[in-house]
């Protein structure tokens, strides 16, 4: 009778010891030694970098009494403001400042900025009304075009200086 109670316990011990002898299998994909892992996570399609600029204009301050013409002028002004902002990003901004101090008190402090450059290849992203009296225009420019624009501008400056 003792053999019958001993047999199930013996079967359990042998079964567990048999399972501990199994080797786990590595299911990960082997990576070649000369392939960098950072290349594996790179996107398949390269993301193009773009500059974006936004311009604003108020409808009610436009120089016309006709509301429709004021709206069209505001749209045009917001587009020009967006081009100015894009030009600032490509070429930078020239800043002139002067301050006047009398009797150790600031009397006058003036700033003047100037932006100069050529923009081509800009894409119109959107023209949207903002609130009741303002228009917003957004432009984008591919960064590959920026280098061409800068070289063109430098060529113009060199030609003017001769």
N, C-alpha and C. Protein backbone atom coordinates (compact mmCIF):
# COMPACT_ATOMS: atom_id res chain seq x y z
N UNK A 1 0.79 -1.18 0.00
CA UNK A 1 0.00 0.00 0.00
C UNK A 1 0.85 1.26 0.00
N UNK A 2 2.00 1.13 0.65
CA UNK A 2 2.87 2.27 0.67
C UNK A 2 3.39 2.60 -0.71
N UNK A 3 3.55 1.58 -1.56
CA UNK A 3 4.04 1.81 -2.91
C UNK A 3 3.06 2.65 -3.73
N UNK A 4 1.78 2.52 -3.53
CA UNK A 4 0.80 3.27 -4.29
C UNK A 4 0.82 4.75 -3.96
N UNK A 5 1.03 5.13 -2.73
CA UNK A 5 1.11 6.55 -2.40
C UNK A 5 2.45 7.13 -2.79
N UNK A 6 3.45 6.32 -2.86
CA UNK A 6 4.78 6.78 -3.22
C UNK A 6 4.90 7.01 -4.73
N UNK A 7 4.21 6.24 -5.55
CA UNK A 7 4.30 6.35 -7.01
C UNK A 7 3.82 7.71 -7.55
N UNK A 8 2.70 8.26 -7.15
CA UNK A 8 2.31 9.57 -7.67
C UNK A 8 3.30 10.67 -7.29
N UNK A 9 3.83 10.59 -6.08
CA UNK A 9 4.81 11.60 -5.65
C UNK A 9 6.08 11.46 -6.47
N UNK A 10 6.51 10.24 -6.75
CA UNK A 10 7.70 10.00 -7.56
C UNK A 10 7.49 10.49 -8.99
N UNK A 11 6.31 10.28 -9.55
CA UNK A 11 6.00 10.74 -10.90
C UNK A 11 6.02 12.27 -10.96
N UNK A 12 5.53 12.92 -9.92
CA UNK A 12 5.53 14.37 -9.87
C UNK A 12 6.96 14.91 -9.81
N UNK A 13 7.80 14.33 -8.99
CA UNK A 13 9.19 14.79 -8.86
C UNK A 13 9.94 14.56 -10.18
N UNK A 14 9.78 13.44 -10.82
CA UNK A 14 10.46 13.16 -12.09
C UNK A 14 9.97 14.10 -13.20
N UNK A 15 8.68 14.37 -13.19
CA UNK A 15 8.13 15.28 -14.21
C UNK A 15 8.68 16.70 -14.06
N UNK A 16 8.75 17.19 -12.85
CA UNK A 16 9.28 18.54 -12.60
C UNK A 16 10.76 18.62 -12.92
N UNK A 17 11.51 17.61 -12.56
CA UNK A 17 12.96 17.63 -12.85
C UNK A 17 13.20 17.52 -14.35
N UNK A 18 12.34 16.87 -15.05
CA UNK A 18 12.47 16.77 -16.50
C UNK A 18 12.20 18.12 -17.17
N UNK A 19 11.27 18.89 -16.65
CA UNK A 19 10.96 20.20 -17.21
C UNK A 19 12.05 21.22 -16.94
N UNK A 20 12.72 21.11 -15.82
CA UNK A 20 13.79 22.07 -15.52
C UNK A 20 14.99 21.88 -16.41
N UNK A 21 15.11 20.79 -17.05
CA UNK A 21 16.23 20.54 -17.94
C UNK A 21 16.03 21.12 -19.33
N UNK A 22 14.84 21.64 -19.63
CA UNK A 22 14.58 22.21 -20.96
C UNK A 22 15.28 23.55 -21.11
N UNK A 23 15.76 23.81 -22.29
CA UNK A 23 16.42 25.07 -22.59
C UNK A 23 15.41 26.01 -23.23
N UNK A 24 15.44 27.30 -22.81
CA UNK A 24 14.54 28.26 -23.43
C UNK A 24 15.09 28.65 -24.79
N UNK A 25 14.20 28.94 -25.70
CA UNK A 25 14.57 29.26 -27.07
C UNK A 25 14.50 30.77 -27.26
N UNK A 26 15.56 31.37 -27.82
CA UNK A 26 15.58 32.80 -28.10
C UNK A 26 14.89 33.03 -29.44
N UNK A 27 13.78 33.76 -29.43
CA UNK A 27 13.00 33.99 -30.62
C UNK A 27 13.33 35.30 -31.33
N UNK A 28 14.28 36.08 -30.79
CA UNK A 28 14.60 37.36 -31.43
C UNK A 28 15.38 37.13 -32.72
N UNK A 29 15.21 38.09 -33.67
CA UNK A 29 15.89 38.00 -34.95
C UNK A 29 17.36 38.34 -34.78
N UNK A 30 18.25 37.55 -35.38
CA UNK A 30 19.67 37.88 -35.29
C UNK A 30 19.97 39.13 -36.12
N UNK A 31 20.86 39.98 -35.61
CA UNK A 31 21.26 41.20 -36.30
C UNK A 31 22.69 41.02 -36.78
N UNK A 32 22.92 41.37 -38.04
CA UNK A 32 24.28 41.27 -38.58
C UNK A 32 25.19 42.21 -37.80
N UNK A 33 26.44 41.84 -37.57
CA UNK A 33 27.32 42.67 -36.74
C UNK A 33 27.63 44.04 -37.36
N UNK A 34 27.60 44.19 -38.68
CA UNK A 34 27.94 45.47 -39.29
C UNK A 34 26.74 46.38 -39.52
N UNK A 35 25.54 45.97 -39.13
CA UNK A 35 24.34 46.79 -39.30
C UNK A 35 24.06 47.49 -37.98
N UNK A 36 23.97 48.82 -38.02
CA UNK A 36 23.70 49.59 -36.81
C UNK A 36 22.21 49.50 -36.49
N UNK A 37 21.91 49.40 -35.21
CA UNK A 37 20.51 49.29 -34.81
C UNK A 37 19.75 50.59 -35.04
N UNK A 38 20.45 51.76 -35.06
CA UNK A 38 19.75 53.02 -35.28
C UNK A 38 19.20 53.10 -36.70
N UNK A 39 19.84 52.44 -37.65
CA UNK A 39 19.33 52.42 -39.02
C UNK A 39 18.03 51.63 -39.12
N UNK A 40 17.87 50.67 -38.23
CA UNK A 40 16.68 49.84 -38.27
C UNK A 40 15.44 50.65 -37.87
N UNK A 41 15.61 51.66 -37.02
CA UNK A 41 14.46 52.43 -36.56
C UNK A 41 14.22 53.68 -37.39
N UNK A 42 15.06 53.95 -38.38
CA UNK A 42 14.89 55.13 -39.23
C UNK A 42 13.63 54.97 -40.09
N UNK A 43 12.94 56.07 -40.35
CA UNK A 43 11.72 55.96 -41.17
C UNK A 43 12.07 55.57 -42.60
N UNK A 44 11.12 54.88 -43.24
CA UNK A 44 11.35 54.45 -44.60
C UNK A 44 11.30 55.63 -45.57
N UNK A 45 10.46 56.61 -45.28
CA UNK A 45 10.34 57.79 -46.13
C UNK A 45 10.95 58.95 -45.37
N UNK A 46 11.91 59.65 -45.99
CA UNK A 46 12.55 60.76 -45.31
C UNK A 46 11.57 61.90 -45.12
N UNK A 47 11.62 62.49 -43.96
CA UNK A 47 10.74 63.62 -43.65
C UNK A 47 11.43 64.90 -44.13
N UNK A 48 10.74 65.65 -44.96
CA UNK A 48 11.28 66.90 -45.47
C UNK A 48 11.04 67.99 -44.44
N UNK A 49 12.06 68.78 -44.20
CA UNK A 49 11.93 69.87 -43.26
C UNK A 49 11.45 71.12 -43.98
N UNK A 50 10.57 71.85 -43.32
CA UNK A 50 10.03 73.07 -43.92
C UNK A 50 10.04 74.20 -42.90
N UNK A 51 10.15 75.41 -43.40
CA UNK A 51 9.95 76.60 -42.59
C UNK A 51 8.50 77.02 -42.77
N UNK A 52 7.88 77.49 -41.70
CA UNK A 52 6.53 78.02 -41.81
C UNK A 52 6.50 79.42 -41.23
N UNK A 53 5.66 80.26 -41.78
CA UNK A 53 5.50 81.63 -41.30
C UNK A 53 4.04 82.01 -41.36
N UNK A 54 3.62 82.81 -40.40
CA UNK A 54 2.24 83.24 -40.32
C UNK A 54 2.19 84.76 -40.29
N UNK A 55 1.26 85.33 -41.05
CA UNK A 55 1.07 86.78 -41.07
C UNK A 55 -0.35 87.13 -40.72
N UNK A 56 -0.53 88.32 -40.15
CA UNK A 56 -1.85 88.77 -39.72
C UNK A 56 -2.14 90.16 -40.27
N UNK A 57 -3.42 90.46 -40.44
CA UNK A 57 -3.86 91.80 -40.83
C UNK A 57 -5.28 92.02 -40.34
N UNK A 58 -5.55 93.26 -39.93
CA UNK A 58 -6.86 93.65 -39.43
C UNK A 58 -7.67 94.25 -40.57
N UNK A 59 -8.92 93.87 -40.67
CA UNK A 59 -9.79 94.30 -41.77
C UNK A 59 -10.17 95.77 -41.63
N UNK A 60 -10.56 96.19 -40.43
CA UNK A 60 -11.13 97.53 -40.24
C UNK A 60 -10.14 98.67 -40.47
N UNK A 61 -8.86 98.42 -40.43
CA UNK A 61 -7.89 99.51 -40.62
C UNK A 61 -7.47 99.67 -42.07
N UNK A 62 -8.00 98.85 -42.96
CA UNK A 62 -7.63 98.93 -44.38
C UNK A 62 -8.23 100.20 -44.99
N UNK A 63 -7.50 100.79 -45.94
CA UNK A 63 -7.87 102.09 -46.50
C UNK A 63 -8.97 102.05 -47.55
N UNK A 64 -10.13 101.61 -47.18
CA UNK A 64 -11.27 101.62 -48.09
C UNK A 64 -12.55 101.69 -47.26
N UNK A 65 -13.60 102.23 -47.87
CA UNK A 65 -14.89 102.27 -47.18
C UNK A 65 -15.75 101.07 -47.53
N UNK A 66 -15.39 100.37 -48.59
CA UNK A 66 -16.12 99.20 -49.04
C UNK A 66 -15.67 97.98 -48.21
N UNK A 67 -16.56 97.33 -47.47
CA UNK A 67 -16.19 96.19 -46.62
C UNK A 67 -15.57 95.02 -47.40
N UNK A 68 -16.05 94.76 -48.60
CA UNK A 68 -15.49 93.66 -49.40
C UNK A 68 -14.05 93.98 -49.79
N UNK A 69 -13.80 95.23 -50.17
CA UNK A 69 -12.45 95.61 -50.54
C UNK A 69 -11.53 95.63 -49.32
N UNK A 70 -12.04 96.04 -48.17
CA UNK A 70 -11.26 95.98 -46.94
C UNK A 70 -10.84 94.55 -46.63
N UNK A 71 -11.76 93.61 -46.81
CA UNK A 71 -11.47 92.20 -46.55
C UNK A 71 -10.39 91.70 -47.49
N UNK A 72 -10.49 92.03 -48.80
CA UNK A 72 -9.47 91.60 -49.75
C UNK A 72 -8.11 92.23 -49.46
N UNK A 73 -8.13 93.50 -49.05
CA UNK A 73 -6.88 94.17 -48.71
C UNK A 73 -6.24 93.55 -47.45
N UNK A 74 -7.06 93.14 -46.50
CA UNK A 74 -6.55 92.50 -45.29
C UNK A 74 -5.94 91.12 -45.62
N UNK A 75 -6.58 90.41 -46.53
CA UNK A 75 -6.03 89.12 -46.95
C UNK A 75 -4.66 89.32 -47.59
N UNK A 76 -4.57 90.31 -48.47
CA UNK A 76 -3.30 90.61 -49.13
C UNK A 76 -2.24 91.07 -48.12
N UNK A 77 -2.64 91.91 -47.17
CA UNK A 77 -1.70 92.39 -46.16
C UNK A 77 -1.21 91.25 -45.27
N UNK A 78 -2.09 90.31 -44.92
CA UNK A 78 -1.66 89.18 -44.09
C UNK A 78 -0.70 88.27 -44.85
N UNK A 79 -0.90 88.16 -46.16
CA UNK A 79 0.02 87.37 -46.98
C UNK A 79 1.40 88.04 -47.04
N UNK A 80 1.42 89.35 -47.20
CA UNK A 80 2.69 90.08 -47.22
C UNK A 80 3.40 89.98 -45.87
N UNK A 81 2.62 90.02 -44.78
CA UNK A 81 3.21 89.87 -43.45
C UNK A 81 3.82 88.48 -43.28
N UNK A 82 3.17 87.46 -43.83
CA UNK A 82 3.72 86.10 -43.77
C UNK A 82 5.01 86.01 -44.58
N UNK A 83 5.05 86.65 -45.76
CA UNK A 83 6.28 86.68 -46.55
C UNK A 83 7.41 87.39 -45.79
N UNK A 84 7.06 88.48 -45.10
CA UNK A 84 8.07 89.19 -44.31
C UNK A 84 8.62 88.28 -43.22
N UNK A 85 7.75 87.56 -42.55
CA UNK A 85 8.18 86.64 -41.50
C UNK A 85 9.05 85.51 -42.06
N UNK A 86 8.70 85.01 -43.23
CA UNK A 86 9.50 83.97 -43.88
C UNK A 86 10.88 84.52 -44.27
N UNK A 87 10.91 85.75 -44.77
CA UNK A 87 12.17 86.39 -45.14
C UNK A 87 13.06 86.57 -43.92
N UNK A 88 12.49 86.92 -42.80
CA UNK A 88 13.26 87.05 -41.56
C UNK A 88 13.91 85.73 -41.19
N UNK A 89 13.18 84.63 -41.36
CA UNK A 89 13.73 83.32 -41.02
C UNK A 89 14.86 82.92 -41.94
N UNK A 90 14.76 83.28 -43.21
CA UNK A 90 15.78 82.88 -44.18
C UNK A 90 17.03 83.75 -44.07
N UNK A 91 16.86 85.07 -44.01
CA UNK A 91 17.98 86.00 -44.09
C UNK A 91 18.34 86.68 -42.78
N UNK A 92 17.47 86.63 -41.81
CA UNK A 92 17.73 87.35 -40.58
C UNK A 92 17.14 88.75 -40.65
N UNK A 93 17.45 89.53 -39.64
CA UNK A 93 16.86 90.85 -39.52
C UNK A 93 17.95 91.83 -39.12
N UNK A 94 18.02 92.96 -39.80
CA UNK A 94 18.97 94.01 -39.44
C UNK A 94 18.30 94.91 -38.43
N UNK A 95 18.99 95.18 -37.35
CA UNK A 95 18.42 95.98 -36.28
C UNK A 95 19.31 97.19 -36.02
N UNK A 96 18.72 98.38 -36.06
CA UNK A 96 19.39 99.62 -35.68
C UNK A 96 18.68 100.15 -34.45
N UNK A 97 19.46 100.52 -33.44
CA UNK A 97 18.86 101.03 -32.21
C UNK A 97 19.65 102.25 -31.75
N UNK A 98 18.93 103.18 -31.15
CA UNK A 98 19.59 104.34 -30.55
C UNK A 98 18.84 104.73 -29.28
N UNK A 99 19.60 105.19 -28.33
CA UNK A 99 19.03 105.61 -27.06
C UNK A 99 19.61 106.97 -26.69
N UNK A 100 18.79 107.82 -26.09
CA UNK A 100 19.23 109.13 -25.64
C UNK A 100 18.97 109.21 -24.14
N UNK A 101 20.01 109.58 -23.40
CA UNK A 101 19.90 109.71 -21.95
C UNK A 101 20.29 111.14 -21.59
N UNK A 102 19.47 111.81 -20.80
CA UNK A 102 19.77 113.15 -20.30
C UNK A 102 19.53 113.18 -18.80
N UNK A 103 20.49 113.70 -18.07
CA UNK A 103 20.40 113.77 -16.61
C UNK A 103 20.12 112.40 -16.00
N UNK A 104 20.78 111.38 -16.58
CA UNK A 104 20.66 109.99 -16.12
C UNK A 104 19.24 109.44 -16.21
N UNK A 105 18.46 110.01 -17.12
CA UNK A 105 17.10 109.54 -17.36
C UNK A 105 16.96 109.25 -18.85
N UNK A 106 16.39 108.11 -19.17
CA UNK A 106 16.17 107.74 -20.57
C UNK A 106 15.16 108.69 -21.18
N UNK A 107 15.59 109.42 -22.22
CA UNK A 107 14.72 110.38 -22.88
C UNK A 107 14.09 109.77 -24.12
N UNK A 108 14.89 109.03 -24.89
CA UNK A 108 14.41 108.48 -26.15
C UNK A 108 15.07 107.13 -26.38
N UNK A 109 14.30 106.16 -26.81
CA UNK A 109 14.82 104.83 -27.13
C UNK A 109 14.13 104.36 -28.39
N UNK A 110 14.85 104.25 -29.49
CA UNK A 110 14.23 103.88 -30.76
C UNK A 110 14.89 102.63 -31.34
N UNK A 111 14.08 101.86 -32.01
CA UNK A 111 14.54 100.68 -32.72
C UNK A 111 14.03 100.75 -34.15
N UNK A 112 14.86 100.32 -35.06
CA UNK A 112 14.46 100.25 -36.46
C UNK A 112 14.95 98.93 -37.00
N UNK A 113 14.06 98.15 -37.60
CA UNK A 113 14.47 96.87 -38.16
C UNK A 113 14.28 96.91 -39.66
N UNK A 114 15.09 96.09 -40.32
CA UNK A 114 15.02 96.01 -41.78
C UNK A 114 15.19 94.55 -42.18
N UNK A 115 14.35 94.13 -43.09
CA UNK A 115 14.44 92.78 -43.65
C UNK A 115 14.58 92.93 -45.15
N UNK A 116 15.54 92.22 -45.71
CA UNK A 116 15.76 92.30 -47.15
C UNK A 116 16.08 90.91 -47.68
N UNK A 117 15.45 90.55 -48.78
CA UNK A 117 15.73 89.25 -49.37
C UNK A 117 14.74 88.91 -50.45
N UNK A 118 14.97 87.76 -51.07
CA UNK A 118 14.11 87.27 -52.14
C UNK A 118 13.54 85.93 -51.69
N UNK A 119 12.25 85.76 -51.84
CA UNK A 119 11.60 84.49 -51.51
C UNK A 119 10.92 83.95 -52.76
N UNK A 120 11.24 82.73 -53.12
CA UNK A 120 10.49 82.04 -54.17
C UNK A 120 10.27 80.61 -53.73
N UNK A 121 9.27 80.00 -54.28
CA UNK A 121 8.98 78.61 -53.95
C UNK A 121 8.15 78.43 -52.69
N UNK A 122 7.64 79.51 -52.11
CA UNK A 122 6.81 79.39 -50.91
C UNK A 122 5.44 78.85 -51.29
N UNK A 123 4.91 77.99 -50.46
CA UNK A 123 3.59 77.40 -50.68
C UNK A 123 2.59 78.04 -49.73
N UNK A 124 1.43 78.40 -50.26
CA UNK A 124 0.36 78.94 -49.45
C UNK A 124 -0.32 77.78 -48.72
N UNK A 125 -0.26 77.79 -47.39
CA UNK A 125 -0.85 76.72 -46.60
C UNK A 125 -2.31 77.04 -46.29
N UNK A 126 -2.57 78.26 -45.81
CA UNK A 126 -3.95 78.60 -45.47
C UNK A 126 -4.14 80.11 -45.36
N UNK A 127 -5.37 80.54 -45.63
CA UNK A 127 -5.82 81.90 -45.34
C UNK A 127 -7.12 81.72 -44.57
N UNK A 128 -7.13 82.15 -43.30
CA UNK A 128 -8.30 81.92 -42.47
C UNK A 128 -8.67 83.19 -41.69
N UNK A 129 -9.95 83.44 -41.55
CA UNK A 129 -10.36 84.55 -40.69
C UNK A 129 -10.16 84.17 -39.22
N UNK A 130 -9.69 85.14 -38.45
CA UNK A 130 -9.48 84.94 -37.02
C UNK A 130 -10.35 85.96 -36.31
N UNK A 131 -11.34 85.51 -35.63
CA UNK A 131 -12.26 86.43 -34.97
C UNK A 131 -13.12 87.16 -36.00
N UNK A 132 -13.56 88.34 -35.63
CA UNK A 132 -14.45 89.13 -36.48
C UNK A 132 -13.70 90.02 -37.47
N UNK A 133 -12.44 90.41 -37.13
CA UNK A 133 -11.82 91.52 -37.85
C UNK A 133 -10.38 91.25 -38.29
N UNK A 134 -9.93 90.00 -38.32
CA UNK A 134 -8.53 89.70 -38.62
C UNK A 134 -8.43 88.52 -39.57
N UNK A 135 -7.41 88.56 -40.43
CA UNK A 135 -7.10 87.42 -41.28
C UNK A 135 -5.71 86.92 -40.96
N UNK A 136 -5.55 85.60 -41.07
CA UNK A 136 -4.28 84.93 -40.82
C UNK A 136 -3.89 84.15 -42.06
N UNK A 137 -2.65 84.35 -42.53
CA UNK A 137 -2.13 83.61 -43.68
C UNK A 137 -0.90 82.84 -43.26
N UNK A 138 -0.82 81.57 -43.63
CA UNK A 138 0.32 80.72 -43.31
C UNK A 138 0.98 80.28 -44.61
N UNK A 139 2.30 80.44 -44.67
CA UNK A 139 3.12 80.01 -45.81
C UNK A 139 4.13 78.99 -45.35
N UNK A 140 4.58 78.14 -46.26
CA UNK A 140 5.65 77.19 -45.94
C UNK A 140 6.70 77.24 -47.05
N UNK A 141 7.93 76.91 -46.67
CA UNK A 141 9.05 76.92 -47.60
C UNK A 141 9.95 75.73 -47.29
N UNK A 142 10.24 74.94 -48.29
CA UNK A 142 11.10 73.78 -48.14
C UNK A 142 12.52 74.24 -47.80
N UNK A 143 13.15 73.62 -46.80
CA UNK A 143 14.48 74.05 -46.37
C UNK A 143 15.55 73.83 -47.45
N UNK A 144 15.28 72.95 -48.40
CA UNK A 144 16.24 72.76 -49.50
C UNK A 144 16.33 74.02 -50.36
N UNK A 145 15.25 74.77 -50.45
CA UNK A 145 15.22 76.00 -51.25
C UNK A 145 15.96 77.13 -50.52
N UNK A 146 16.03 77.06 -49.19
CA UNK A 146 16.62 78.13 -48.41
C UNK A 146 18.08 78.38 -48.81
N UNK A 147 18.85 77.33 -48.97
CA UNK A 147 20.25 77.50 -49.36
C UNK A 147 20.36 78.15 -50.73
N UNK A 148 19.52 77.77 -51.66
CA UNK A 148 19.52 78.42 -52.98
C UNK A 148 19.20 79.90 -52.86
N UNK A 149 18.23 80.23 -52.02
CA UNK A 149 17.85 81.63 -51.83
C UNK A 149 19.01 82.45 -51.25
N UNK A 150 19.70 81.88 -50.28
CA UNK A 150 20.82 82.59 -49.66
C UNK A 150 21.95 82.81 -50.66
N UNK A 151 22.24 81.81 -51.47
CA UNK A 151 23.28 81.97 -52.48
C UNK A 151 22.90 83.03 -53.51
N UNK A 152 21.64 83.04 -53.93
CA UNK A 152 21.15 84.05 -54.86
C UNK A 152 21.29 85.45 -54.26
N UNK A 153 20.94 85.59 -53.00
CA UNK A 153 21.01 86.88 -52.32
C UNK A 153 22.46 87.35 -52.21
N UNK A 154 23.36 86.44 -51.84
CA UNK A 154 24.78 86.81 -51.74
C UNK A 154 25.33 87.23 -53.10
N UNK A 155 24.88 86.57 -54.16
CA UNK A 155 25.31 86.97 -55.52
C UNK A 155 24.83 88.36 -55.87
N UNK A 156 23.62 88.71 -55.46
CA UNK A 156 23.09 90.04 -55.73
C UNK A 156 23.85 91.12 -54.96
N UNK A 157 24.18 90.82 -53.72
CA UNK A 157 24.93 91.77 -52.91
C UNK A 157 26.32 92.00 -53.49
N UNK A 158 26.95 90.92 -53.93
CA UNK A 158 28.27 91.03 -54.54
C UNK A 158 28.22 91.84 -55.82
N UNK A 159 27.19 91.63 -56.64
CA UNK A 159 27.06 92.37 -57.89
C UNK A 159 26.81 93.86 -57.64
N UNK A 160 26.07 94.20 -56.60
CA UNK A 160 25.81 95.60 -56.29
C UNK A 160 27.06 96.29 -55.79
N UNK A 161 27.90 95.56 -55.09
CA UNK A 161 29.11 96.14 -54.51
C UNK A 161 30.19 96.41 -55.54
N UNK A 162 30.12 95.82 -56.72
CA UNK A 162 31.17 96.02 -57.75
C UNK A 162 31.01 97.27 -58.51
